[in-house]
Every structure is written in C-alpha cells, then in structure tokens.
Amino acid sequence: MVEFIWVTVLGLGIGTVLRYTLPGRGAYGIVLLPAVGGIVAAGVWATVTWAGWTPDSPWPWVLALGAAAIASTGAAVFASRRRAKGDARLLHQLSGGRA
C-alpha cells in the first residue's frame, strides 16, 4: 500500500519536472502535467499489481514511472499544439480574416 503512495508521488514529481523542462508551458495550466503523471502512474501501478506483479520487482516501477513520463510529455505536446491552433483560429476570426 505504501508503494502505491510512493509511485503516485513520484509520478506527480515527474509531471512537475516535465512541466518546467518542456517548451510551451504557457499553453497549459500548472497542474495539468503533474496530474497526468500522478494519475497514470497510479493507474499503471494498480493494474500491474492486480495482475500479480510484486512491488519488490523493478518492472512495476519502471512501467508506472515510464508511462507517467510518456503520458505527461504527450499531454504537453497535445495541449501546446491545440492551444496554438485555437489561438490562430481565434485571431483570424477576431481580425476579420486580416491576420
């Protein structure tokens, strides 16, 4: 049970580090990446432990924390691109097609 808390906190930490290291952080909120990292790490951890993997093996840790990093990075890229497209569309609309 304590391992579940640790992996969730580490997932939050991974999301936080990625929040400040990936470009485009002005396109999404301060909580998005840590939340994604924590939720994904907890979900993967719960899934692999229910599948019978033991916490004393390194593989649940690698899977959960790796998935947290990948999901947080994906969320950052998706949010940045979507925000840029939305801003461009709104600028075009508000400028009457002149921008």
PDB file of N, CA and C in Angstrom:
ATOM      1  N   MET A   1       0.823  -1.201   0.000  1.00  0.00           N
ATOM      2  CA  MET A   1       0.000   0.000   0.000  1.00  0.00           C
ATOM      3  C   MET A   1       0.862   1.259   0.000  1.00  0.00           C
ATOM      4  N   VAL A   2       1.930   1.235   0.754  1.00  0.00           N
ATOM      5  CA  VAL A   2       2.814   2.401   0.791  1.00  0.00           C
ATOM      6  C   VAL A   2       3.467   2.621  -0.566  1.00  0.00           C
ATOM      7  N   GLU A   3       3.730   1.536  -1.281  1.00  0.00           N
ATOM      8  CA  GLU A   3       4.333   1.656  -2.603  1.00  0.00           C
ATOM      9  C   GLU A   3       3.413   2.404  -3.557  1.00  0.00           C
ATOM     10  N   PHE A   4       2.101   2.211  -3.406  1.00  0.00           N
ATOM     11  CA  PHE A   4       1.132   2.920  -4.240  1.00  0.00           C
ATOM     12  C   PHE A   4       1.241   4.426  -4.020  1.00  0.00           C
ATOM     13  N   ILE A   5       1.390   4.833  -2.777  1.00  0.00           N
ATOM     14  CA  ILE A   5       1.548   6.258  -2.472  1.00  0.00           C
ATOM     15  C   ILE A   5       2.855   6.777  -3.050  1.00  0.00           C
ATOM     16  N   TRP A   6       3.925   6.001  -2.898  1.00  0.00           N
ATOM     17  CA  TRP A   6       5.222   6.427  -3.420  1.00  0.00           C
ATOM     18  C   TRP A   6       5.209   6.578  -4.937  1.00  0.00           C
ATOM     19  N   VAL A   7       4.629   5.617  -5.625  1.00  0.00           N
ATOM     20  CA  VAL A   7       4.631   5.699  -7.085  1.00  0.00           C
ATOM     21  C   VAL A   7       3.762   6.864  -7.556  1.00  0.00           C
ATOM     22  N   THR A   8       2.688   7.156  -6.843  1.00  0.00           N
ATOM     23  CA  THR A   8       1.851   8.302  -7.198  1.00  0.00           C
ATOM     24  C   THR A   8       2.607   9.609  -6.994  1.00  0.00           C
ATOM     25  N   VAL A   9       3.292   9.726  -5.885  1.00  0.00           N
ATOM     26  CA  VAL A   9       4.079  10.940  -5.612  1.00  0.00           C
ATOM     27  C   VAL A   9       5.210  11.087  -6.624  1.00  0.00           C
ATOM     28  N   LEU A  10       5.849   9.993  -6.970  1.00  0.00           N
ATOM     29  CA  LEU A  10       6.906  10.063  -7.988  1.00  0.00           C
ATOM     30  C   LEU A  10       6.337  10.439  -9.355  1.00  0.00           C
ATOM     31  N   GLY A  11       5.162   9.946  -9.678  1.00  0.00           N
ATOM     32  CA  GLY A  11       4.500  10.349 -10.923  1.00  0.00           C
ATOM     33  C   GLY A  11       4.174  11.833 -10.931  1.00  0.00           C
ATOM     34  N   LEU A  12       3.713  12.339  -9.794  1.00  0.00           N
ATOM     35  CA  LEU A  12       3.480  13.779  -9.675  1.00  0.00           C
ATOM     36  C   LEU A  12       4.779  14.556  -9.861  1.00  0.00           C
ATOM     37  N   GLY A  13       5.849  14.039  -9.280  1.00  0.00           N
ATOM     38  CA  GLY A  13       7.155  14.691  -9.421  1.00  0.00           C
ATOM     39  C   GLY A  13       7.654  14.692 -10.853  1.00  0.00           C
ATOM     40  N   ILE A  14       7.467  13.591 -11.546  1.00  0.00           N
ATOM     41  CA  ILE A  14       7.877  13.521 -12.951  1.00  0.00           C
ATOM     42  C   ILE A  14       7.098  14.544 -13.771  1.00  0.00           C
ATOM     43  N   GLY A  15       5.800  14.624 -13.539  1.00  0.00           N
ATOM     44  CA  GLY A  15       4.993  15.619 -14.239  1.00  0.00           C
ATOM     45  C   GLY A  15       5.420  17.036 -13.937  1.00  0.00           C
ATOM     46  N   THR A  16       5.790  17.278 -12.692  1.00  0.00           N
ATOM     47  CA  THR A  16       6.241  18.620 -12.304  1.00  0.00           C
ATOM     48  C   THR A  16       7.562  18.978 -12.977  1.00  0.00           C
ATOM     49  N   VAL A  17       8.489  18.050 -12.993  1.00  0.00           N
ATOM     50  CA  VAL A  17       9.776  18.300 -13.659  1.00  0.00           C
ATOM     51  C   VAL A  17       9.561  18.547 -15.148  1.00  0.00           C
ATOM     52  N   LEU A  18       8.717  17.743 -15.773  1.00  0.00           N
ATOM     53  CA  LEU A  18       8.450  17.931 -17.197  1.00  0.00           C
ATOM     54  C   LEU A  18       7.739  19.247 -17.464  1.00  0.00           C
ATOM     55  N   ARG A  19       6.930  19.692 -16.539  1.00  0.00           N
ATOM     56  CA  ARG A  19       6.232  20.988 -16.683  1.00  0.00           C
ATOM     57  C   ARG A  19       7.229  22.117 -16.886  1.00  0.00           C
ATOM     58  N   TYR A  20       8.340  22.054 -16.176  1.00  0.00           N
ATOM     59  CA  TYR A  20       9.316  23.137 -16.244  1.00  0.00           C
ATOM     60  C   TYR A  20      10.468  22.875 -17.201  1.00  0.00           C
ATOM     61  N   THR A  21      10.507  21.705 -17.829  1.00  0.00           N
ATOM     62  CA  THR A  21      11.593  21.436 -18.781  1.00  0.00           C
ATOM     63  C   THR A  21      11.127  21.386 -20.232  1.00  0.00           C
ATOM     64  N   LEU A  22       9.862  21.083 -20.463  1.00  0.00           N
ATOM     65  CA  LEU A  22       9.363  21.024 -21.831  1.00  0.00           C
ATOM     66  C   LEU A  22       8.968  22.421 -22.318  1.00  0.00           C
ATOM     67  N   PRO A  23       9.155  22.692 -23.601  1.00  0.00           N
ATOM     68  CA  PRO A  23       8.759  24.001 -24.132  1.00  0.00           C
ATOM     69  C   PRO A  23       7.238  24.126 -24.229  1.00  0.00           C
ATOM     70  N   GLY A  24       6.763  25.352 -24.290  1.00  0.00           N
ATOM     71  CA  GLY A  24       5.346  25.620 -24.485  1.00  0.00           C
ATOM     72  C   GLY A  24       4.516  25.574 -23.225  1.00  0.00           C
ATOM     73  N   ARG A  25       5.143  25.770 -22.073  1.00  0.00           N
ATOM     74  CA  ARG A  25       4.389  25.630 -20.829  1.00  0.00           C
ATOM     75  C   ARG A  25       3.370  26.734 -20.604  1.00  0.00           C
ATOM     76  N   GLY A  26       3.407  27.791 -21.402  1.00  0.00           N
ATOM     77  CA  GLY A  26       2.411  28.840 -21.281  1.00  0.00           C
ATOM     78  C   GLY A  26       1.076  28.458 -21.902  1.00  0.00           C
ATOM     79  N   ALA A  27       1.040  27.312 -22.574  1.00  0.00           N
ATOM     80  CA  ALA A  27      -0.170  26.898 -23.274  1.00  0.00           C
ATOM     81  C   ALA A  27      -1.108  26.056 -22.411  1.00  0.00           C
ATOM     82  N   TYR A  28      -0.662  25.648 -21.246  1.00  0.00           N
ATOM     83  CA  TYR A  28      -1.500  24.818 -20.376  1.00  0.00           C
ATOM     84  C   TYR A  28      -1.259  25.212 -18.924  1.00  0.00           C
ATOM     85  N   GLY A  29      -2.121  24.785 -18.062  1.00  0.00           N
ATOM     86  CA  GLY A  29      -2.065  25.163 -16.658  1.00  0.00           C
ATOM     87  C   GLY A  29      -0.936  24.497 -15.897  1.00  0.00           C
ATOM     88  N   ILE A  30      -0.728  24.970 -14.695  1.00  0.00           N
ATOM     89  CA  ILE A  30       0.374  24.499 -13.871  1.00  0.00           C
ATOM     90  C   ILE A  30       0.139  23.094 -13.323  1.00  0.00           C
ATOM     91  N   VAL A  31      -1.098  22.652 -13.272  1.00  0.00           N
ATOM     92  CA  VAL A  31      -1.428  21.373 -12.643  1.00  0.00           C
ATOM     93  C   VAL A  31      -1.590  20.240 -13.653  1.00  0.00           C
ATOM     94  N   LEU A  32      -1.690  20.544 -14.929  1.00  0.00           N
ATOM     95  CA  LEU A  32      -2.003  19.514 -15.924  1.00  0.00           C
ATOM     96  C   LEU A  32      -0.986  18.380 -15.933  1.00  0.00           C
ATOM     97  N   LEU A  33       0.267  18.671 -16.121  1.00  0.00           N
ATOM     98  CA  LEU A  33       1.265  17.606 -16.253  1.00  0.00           C
ATOM     99  C   LEU A  33       1.468  16.823 -14.959  1.00  0.00           C
ATOM    100  N   PRO A  34       1.560  17.488 -13.791  1.00  0.00           N
ATOM    101  CA  PRO A  34       1.645  16.685 -12.566  1.00  0.00           C
ATOM    102  C   PRO A  34       0.425  15.785 -12.360  1.00  0.00           C
ATOM    103  N   ALA A  35      -0.759  16.293 -12.683  1.00  0.00           N
ATOM    104  CA  ALA A  35      -1.965  15.476 -12.519  1.00  0.00           C
ATOM    105  C   ALA A  35      -1.939  14.274 -13.455  1.00  0.00           C
ATOM    106  N   VAL A  36      -1.562  14.495 -14.696  1.00  0.00           N
ATOM    107  CA  VAL A  36      -1.477  13.383 -15.653  1.00  0.00           C
ATOM    108  C   VAL A  36      -0.444  12.367 -15.185  1.00  0.00           C
ATOM    109  N   GLY A  37       0.710  12.846 -14.749  1.00  0.00           N
ATOM    110  CA  GLY A  37       1.753  11.937 -14.267  1.00  0.00           C
ATOM    111  C   GLY A  37       1.311  11.118 -13.073  1.00  0.00           C
ATOM    112  N   GLY A  38       0.676  11.752 -12.117  1.00  0.00           N
ATOM    113  CA  GLY A  38       0.213  11.036 -10.931  1.00  0.00           C
ATOM    114  C   GLY A  38      -0.886  10.038 -11.234  1.00  0.00           C
ATOM    115  N   ILE A  39      -1.839  10.441 -12.048  1.00  0.00           N
ATOM    116  CA  ILE A  39      -2.955   9.556 -12.375  1.00  0.00           C
ATOM    117  C   ILE A  39      -2.488   8.344 -13.185  1.00  0.00           C
ATOM    118  N   VAL A  40      -1.640   8.581 -14.160  1.00  0.00           N
ATOM    119  CA  VAL A  40      -1.156   7.475 -14.993  1.00  0.00           C
ATOM    120  C   VAL A  40      -0.275   6.528 -14.181  1.00  0.00           C
ATOM    121  N   ALA A  41       0.607   7.076 -13.363  1.00  0.00           N
ATOM    122  CA  ALA A  41       1.467   6.221 -12.531  1.00  0.00           C
ATOM    123  C   ALA A  41       0.626   5.366 -11.590  1.00  0.00           C
ATOM    124  N   ALA A  42      -0.373   5.964 -10.958  1.00  0.00           N
ATOM    125  CA  ALA A  42      -1.235   5.210 -10.046  1.00  0.00           C
ATOM    126  C   ALA A  42      -2.038   4.153 -10.791  1.00  0.00           C
ATOM    127  N   GLY A  43      -2.550   4.505 -11.960  1.00  0.00           N
ATOM    128  CA  GLY A  43      -3.330   3.548 -12.736  1.00  0.00           C
ATOM    129  C   GLY A  43      -2.515   2.367 -13.217  1.00  0.00           C
ATOM    130  N   VAL A  44      -1.328   2.639 -13.727  1.00  0.00           N
ATOM    131  CA  VAL A  44      -0.468   1.546 -14.204  1.00  0.00           C
ATOM    132  C   VAL A  44      -0.025   0.686 -13.025  1.00  0.00           C
ATOM    133  N   TRP A  45       0.315   1.309 -11.911  1.00  0.00           N
ATOM    134  CA  TRP A  45       0.736   0.560 -10.723  1.00  0.00           C
ATOM    135  C   TRP A  45      -0.387  -0.367 -10.249  1.00  0.00           C
ATOM    136  N   ALA A  46      -1.592   0.169 -10.172  1.00  0.00           N
ATOM    137  CA  ALA A  46      -2.723  -0.647  -9.734  1.00  0.00           C
ATOM    138  C   ALA A  46      -2.953  -1.811 -10.697  1.00  0.00           C
ATOM    139  N   THR A  47      -2.843  -1.543 -11.975  1.00  0.00           N
ATOM    140  CA  THR A  47      -3.073  -2.588 -12.977  1.00  0.00           C
ATOM    141  C   THR A  47      -2.038  -3.703 -12.874  1.00  0.00           C
ATOM    142  N   VAL A  48      -0.766  -3.338 -12.791  1.00  0.00           N
ATOM    143  CA  VAL A  48       0.265  -4.384 -12.773  1.00  0.00           C
ATOM    144  C   VAL A  48       0.285  -5.141 -11.446  1.00  0.00           C
ATOM    145  N   THR A  49      -0.049  -4.485 -10.348  1.00  0.00           N
ATOM    146  CA  THR A  49      -0.085  -5.220  -9.078  1.00  0.00           C
ATOM    147  C   THR A  49      -1.315  -6.130  -9.009  1.00  0.00           C
ATOM    148  N   TRP A  50      -2.429  -5.704  -9.592  1.00  0.00           N
ATOM    149  CA  TRP A  50      -3.591  -6.589  -9.669  1.00  0.00           C
ATOM    150  C   TRP A  50      -3.313  -7.773 -10.580  1.00  0.00           C
ATOM    151  N   ALA A  51      -2.443  -7.576 -11.546  1.00  0.00           N
ATOM    152  CA  ALA A  51      -2.076  -8.667 -12.450  1.00  0.00           C
ATOM    153  C   ALA A  51      -1.117  -9.659 -11.790  1.00  0.00           C
ATOM    154  N   GLY A  52      -0.656  -9.341 -10.586  1.00  0.00           N
ATOM    155  CA  GLY A  52       0.178 -10.278  -9.850  1.00  0.00           C
ATOM    156  C   GLY A  52       1.642  -9.912  -9.755  1.00  0.00           C
ATOM    157  N   TRP A  53       2.051  -8.780 -10.321  1.00  0.00           N
ATOM    158  CA  TRP A  53       3.450  -8.370 -10.208  1.00  0.00           C
ATOM    159  C   TRP A  53       3.702  -7.862  -8.796  1.00  0.00           C
ATOM    160  N   THR A  54       4.848  -8.184  -8.253  1.00  0.00           N
ATOM    161  CA  THR A  54       5.147  -7.776  -6.880  1.00  0.00           C
ATOM    162  C   THR A  54       5.939  -6.473  -6.859  1.00  0.00           C
ATOM    163  N   PRO A  55       5.735  -5.653  -5.827  1.00  0.00           N
ATOM    164  CA  PRO A  55       6.427  -4.367  -5.746  1.00  0.00           C
ATOM    165  C   PRO A  55       7.937  -4.475  -5.541  1.00  0.00           C
ATOM    166  N   ASP A  56       8.435  -5.642  -5.130  1.00  0.00           N
ATOM    167  CA  ASP A  56       9.883  -5.767  -4.945  1.00  0.00           C
ATOM    168  C   ASP A  56      10.609  -6.038  -6.251  1.00  0.00           C
ATOM    169  N   SER A  57       9.880  -6.210  -7.332  1.00  0.00           N
ATOM    170  CA  SER A  57      10.469  -6.314  -8.666  1.00  0.00           C
ATOM    171  C   SER A  57      10.609  -4.899  -9.247  1.00  0.00           C
ATOM    172  N   PRO A  58      11.622  -4.636 -10.042  1.00  0.00           N
ATOM    173  CA  PRO A  58      11.767  -3.283 -10.600  1.00  0.00           C
ATOM    174  C   PRO A  58      10.779  -2.970 -11.729  1.00  0.00           C
ATOM    175  N   TRP A  59      10.178  -3.981 -12.341  1.00  0.00           N
ATOM    176  CA  TRP A  59       9.360  -3.751 -13.525  1.00  0.00           C
ATOM    177  C   TRP A  59       8.082  -2.967 -13.278  1.00  0.00           C
ATOM    178  N   PRO A  60       7.369  -3.166 -12.185  1.00  0.00           N
ATOM    179  CA  PRO A  60       6.207  -2.289 -11.954  1.00  0.00           C
ATOM    180  C   PRO A  60       6.607  -0.824 -11.820  1.00  0.00           C
ATOM    181  N   TRP A  61       7.740  -0.578 -11.192  1.00  0.00           N
ATOM    182  CA  TRP A  61       8.224   0.790 -11.028  1.00  0.00           C
ATOM    183  C   TRP A  61       8.591   1.394 -12.374  1.00  0.00           C
ATOM    184  N   VAL A  62       9.322   0.635 -13.172  1.00  0.00           N
ATOM    185  CA  VAL A  62       9.750   1.123 -14.488  1.00  0.00           C
ATOM    186  C   VAL A  62       8.536   1.394 -15.370  1.00  0.00           C
ATOM    187  N   LEU A  63       7.592   0.472 -15.365  1.00  0.00           N
ATOM    188  CA  LEU A  63       6.396   0.632 -16.192  1.00  0.00           C
ATOM    189  C   LEU A  63       5.568   1.830 -15.754  1.00  0.00           C
ATOM    190  N   ALA A  64       5.316   1.941 -14.457  1.00  0.00           N
ATOM    191  CA  ALA A  64       4.460   3.024 -13.953  1.00  0.00           C
ATOM    192  C   ALA A  64       5.107   4.388 -14.163  1.00  0.00           C
ATOM    193  N   LEU A  65       6.368   4.508 -13.831  1.00  0.00           N
ATOM    194  CA  LEU A  65       7.023   5.815 -13.953  1.00  0.00           C
ATOM    195  C   LEU A  65       7.328   6.154 -15.410  1.00  0.00           C
ATOM    196  N   GLY A  66       7.638   5.157 -16.211  1.00  0.00           N
ATOM    197  CA  GLY A  66       7.831   5.398 -17.641  1.00  0.00           C
ATOM    198  C   GLY A  66       6.539   5.835 -18.313  1.00  0.00           C
ATOM    199  N   ALA A  67       5.442   5.197 -17.947  1.00  0.00           N
ATOM    200  CA  ALA A  67       4.146   5.582 -18.504  1.00  0.00           C
ATOM    201  C   ALA A  67       3.766   6.992 -18.068  1.00  0.00           C
ATOM    202  N   ALA A  68       4.100   7.353 -16.833  1.00  0.00           N
ATOM    203  CA  ALA A  68       3.824   8.708 -16.359  1.00  0.00           C
ATOM    204  C   ALA A  68       4.600   9.742 -17.165  1.00  0.00           C
ATOM    205  N   ALA A  69       5.859   9.446 -17.452  1.00  0.00           N
ATOM    206  CA  ALA A  69       6.675  10.370 -18.241  1.00  0.00           C
ATOM    207  C   ALA A  69       6.156  10.492 -19.671  1.00  0.00           C
ATOM    208  N   ILE A  70       5.807   9.378 -20.266  1.00  0.00           N
ATOM    209  CA  ILE A  70       5.317   9.394 -21.647  1.00  0.00           C
ATOM    210  C   ILE A  70       3.979  10.114 -21.738  1.00  0.00           C
ATOM    211  N   ALA A  71       3.083   9.827 -20.809  1.00  0.00           N
ATOM    212  CA  ALA A  71       1.761  10.462 -20.837  1.00  0.00           C
ATOM    213  C   ALA A  71       1.852  11.963 -20.566  1.00  0.00           C
ATOM    214  N   SER A  72       2.712  12.364 -19.648  1.00  0.00           N
ATOM    215  CA  SER A  72       2.873  13.793 -19.359  1.00  0.00           C
ATOM    216  C   SER A  72       3.461  14.528 -20.557  1.00  0.00           C
ATOM    217  N   THR A  73       4.435  13.921 -21.202  1.00  0.00           N
ATOM    218  CA  THR A  73       5.013  14.527 -22.398  1.00  0.00           C
ATOM    219  C   THR A  73       3.979  14.627 -23.508  1.00  0.00           C
ATOM    220  N   GLY A  74       3.217  13.573 -23.696  1.00  0.00           N
ATOM    221  CA  GLY A  74       2.160  13.598 -24.704  1.00  0.00           C
ATOM    222  C   GLY A  74       1.110  14.651 -24.419  1.00  0.00           C
ATOM    223  N   ALA A  75       0.739  14.803 -23.160  1.00  0.00           N
ATOM    224  CA  ALA A  75      -0.242  15.828 -22.791  1.00  0.00           C
ATOM    225  C   ALA A  75       0.302  17.227 -23.062  1.00  0.00           C
ATOM    226  N   ALA A  76       1.582  17.437 -22.796  1.00  0.00           N
ATOM    227  CA  ALA A  76       2.187  18.747 -23.036  1.00  0.00           C
ATOM    228  C   ALA A  76       2.209  19.071 -24.526  1.00  0.00           C
ATOM    229  N   VAL A  77       2.599  18.103 -25.333  1.00  0.00           N
ATOM    230  CA  VAL A  77       2.651  18.321 -26.781  1.00  0.00           C
ATOM    231  C   VAL A  77       1.252  18.567 -27.333  1.00  0.00           C
ATOM    232  N   PHE A  78       0.292  17.746 -26.922  1.00  0.00           N
ATOM    233  CA  PHE A  78      -1.077  17.892 -27.395  1.00  0.00           C
ATOM    234  C   PHE A  78      -1.661  19.247 -26.990  1.00  0.00           C
ATOM    235  N   ALA A  79      -1.491  19.615 -25.730  1.00  0.00           N
ATOM    236  CA  ALA A  79      -2.063  20.879 -25.252  1.00  0.00           C
ATOM    237  C   ALA A  79      -1.417  22.078 -25.942  1.00  0.00           C
ATOM    238  N   SER A  80      -0.111  22.030 -26.149  1.00  0.00           N
ATOM    239  CA  SER A  80       0.579  23.140 -26.812  1.00  0.00           C
ATOM    240  C   SER A  80       0.106  23.318 -28.243  1.00  0.00           C
ATOM    241  N   ARG A  81       0.028  22.213 -28.972  1.00  0.00           N
ATOM    242  CA  ARG A  81      -0.411  22.299 -30.374  1.00  0.00           C
ATOM    243  C   ARG A  81      -1.862  22.734 -30.475  1.00  0.00           C
ATOM    244  N   ARG A  82      -2.693  22.179 -29.623  1.00  0.00           N
ATOM    245  CA  ARG A  82      -4.111  22.547 -29.666  1.00  0.00           C
ATOM    246  C   ARG A  82      -4.303  24.015 -29.310  1.00  0.00           C
ATOM    247  N   ARG A  83      -3.556  24.508 -28.345  1.00  0.00           N
ATOM    248  CA  ARG A  83      -3.670  25.909 -27.952  1.00  0.00           C
ATOM    249  C   ARG A  83      -3.199  26.818 -29.076  1.00  0.00           C
ATOM    250  N   ALA A  84      -2.102  26.464 -29.745  1.00  0.00           N
ATOM    251  CA  ALA A  84      -1.596  27.287 -30.847  1.00  0.00           C
ATOM    252  C   ALA A  84      -2.610  27.345 -31.991  1.00  0.00           C
ATOM    253  N   LYS A  85      -3.202  26.209 -32.323  1.00  0.00           N
ATOM    254  CA  LYS A  85      -4.206  26.198 -33.389  1.00  0.00           C
ATOM    255  C   LYS A  85      -5.440  26.997 -32.997  1.00  0.00           C
ATOM    256  N   GLY A  86      -5.867  26.856 -31.762  1.00  0.00           N
ATOM    257  CA  GLY A  86      -7.030  27.600 -31.290  1.00  0.00           C
ATOM    258  C   GLY A  86      -6.782  29.097 -31.254  1.00  0.00           C
ATOM    259  N   ASP A  87      -5.591  29.497 -30.823  1.00  0.00           N
ATOM    260  CA  ASP A  87      -5.254  30.919 -30.799  1.00  0.00           C
ATOM    261  C   ASP A  87      -5.204  31.500 -32.209  1.00  0.00           C
ATOM    262  N   ALA A  88      -4.624  30.743 -33.150  1.00  0.00           N
ATOM    263  CA  ALA A  88      -4.551  31.213 -34.537  1.00  0.00           C
ATOM    264  C   ALA A  88      -5.947  31.340 -35.134  1.00  0.00           C
ATOM    265  N   ARG A  89      -6.807  30.371 -34.859  1.00  0.00           N
ATOM    266  CA  ARG A  89      -8.173  30.418 -35.373  1.00  0.00           C
ATOM    267  C   ARG A  89      -8.938  31.611 -34.777  1.00  0.00           C
ATOM    268  N   LEU A  90      -8.775  31.852 -33.488  1.00  0.00           N
ATOM    269  CA  LEU A  90      -9.455  32.971 -32.853  1.00  0.00           C
ATOM    270  C   LEU A  90      -8.925  34.310 -33.362  1.00  0.00           C
ATOM    271  N   LEU A  91      -7.609  34.422 -33.574  1.00  0.00           N
ATOM    272  CA  LEU A  91      -7.042  35.654 -34.118  1.00  0.00           C
ATOM    273  C   LEU A  91      -7.586  35.923 -35.513  1.00  0.00           C
ATOM    274  N   HIS A  92      -7.665  34.888 -36.320  1.00  0.00           N
ATOM    275  CA  HIS A  92      -8.216  35.035 -37.670  1.00  0.00           C
ATOM    276  C   HIS A  92      -9.679  35.486 -37.615  1.00  0.00           C
ATOM    277  N   GLN A  93     -10.425  34.909 -36.719  1.00  0.00           N
ATOM    278  CA  GLN A  93     -11.832  35.255 -36.581  1.00  0.00           C
ATOM    279  C   GLN A  93     -12.011  36.675 -36.079  1.00  0.00           C
ATOM    280  N   LEU A  94     -11.262  37.068 -35.068  1.00  0.00           N
ATOM    281  CA  LEU A  94     -11.421  38.384 -34.470  1.00  0.00           C
ATOM    282  C   LEU A  94     -10.872  39.491 -35.360  1.00  0.00           C
ATOM    283  N   SER A  95      -9.898  39.176 -36.200  1.00  0.00           N
ATOM    284  CA  SER A  95      -9.332  40.208 -37.081  1.00  0.00           C
ATOM    285  C   SER A  95     -10.103  40.321 -38.399  1.00  0.00           C
ATOM    286  N   GLY A  96     -11.114  39.525 -38.544  1.00  0.00           N
ATOM    287  CA  GLY A  96     -11.893  39.572 -39.780  1.00  0.00           C
ATOM    288  C   GLY A  96     -11.159  39.009 -40.968  1.00  0.00           C
ATOM    289  N   GLY A  97     -10.247  38.101 -40.731  1.00  0.00           N
ATOM    290  CA  GLY A  97      -9.507  37.457 -41.811  1.00  0.00           C
ATOM    291  C   GLY A  97      -8.275  38.218 -42.248  1.00  0.00           C
ATOM    292  N   ARG A  98      -7.919  39.300 -41.562  1.00  0.00           N
ATOM    293  CA  ARG A  98      -6.744  40.089 -41.947  1.00  0.00           C
ATOM    294  C   ARG A  98      -5.456  39.600 -41.316  1.00  0.00           C
ATOM    295  N   ALA A  99      -5.551  38.681 -40.368  1.00  0.00           N
ATOM    296  CA  ALA A  99      -4.335  38.203 -39.709  1.00  0.00           C
ATOM    297  C   ALA A  99      -4.144  36.721 -39.924  1.00  0.00           C
TER     298      ALA A  99
END
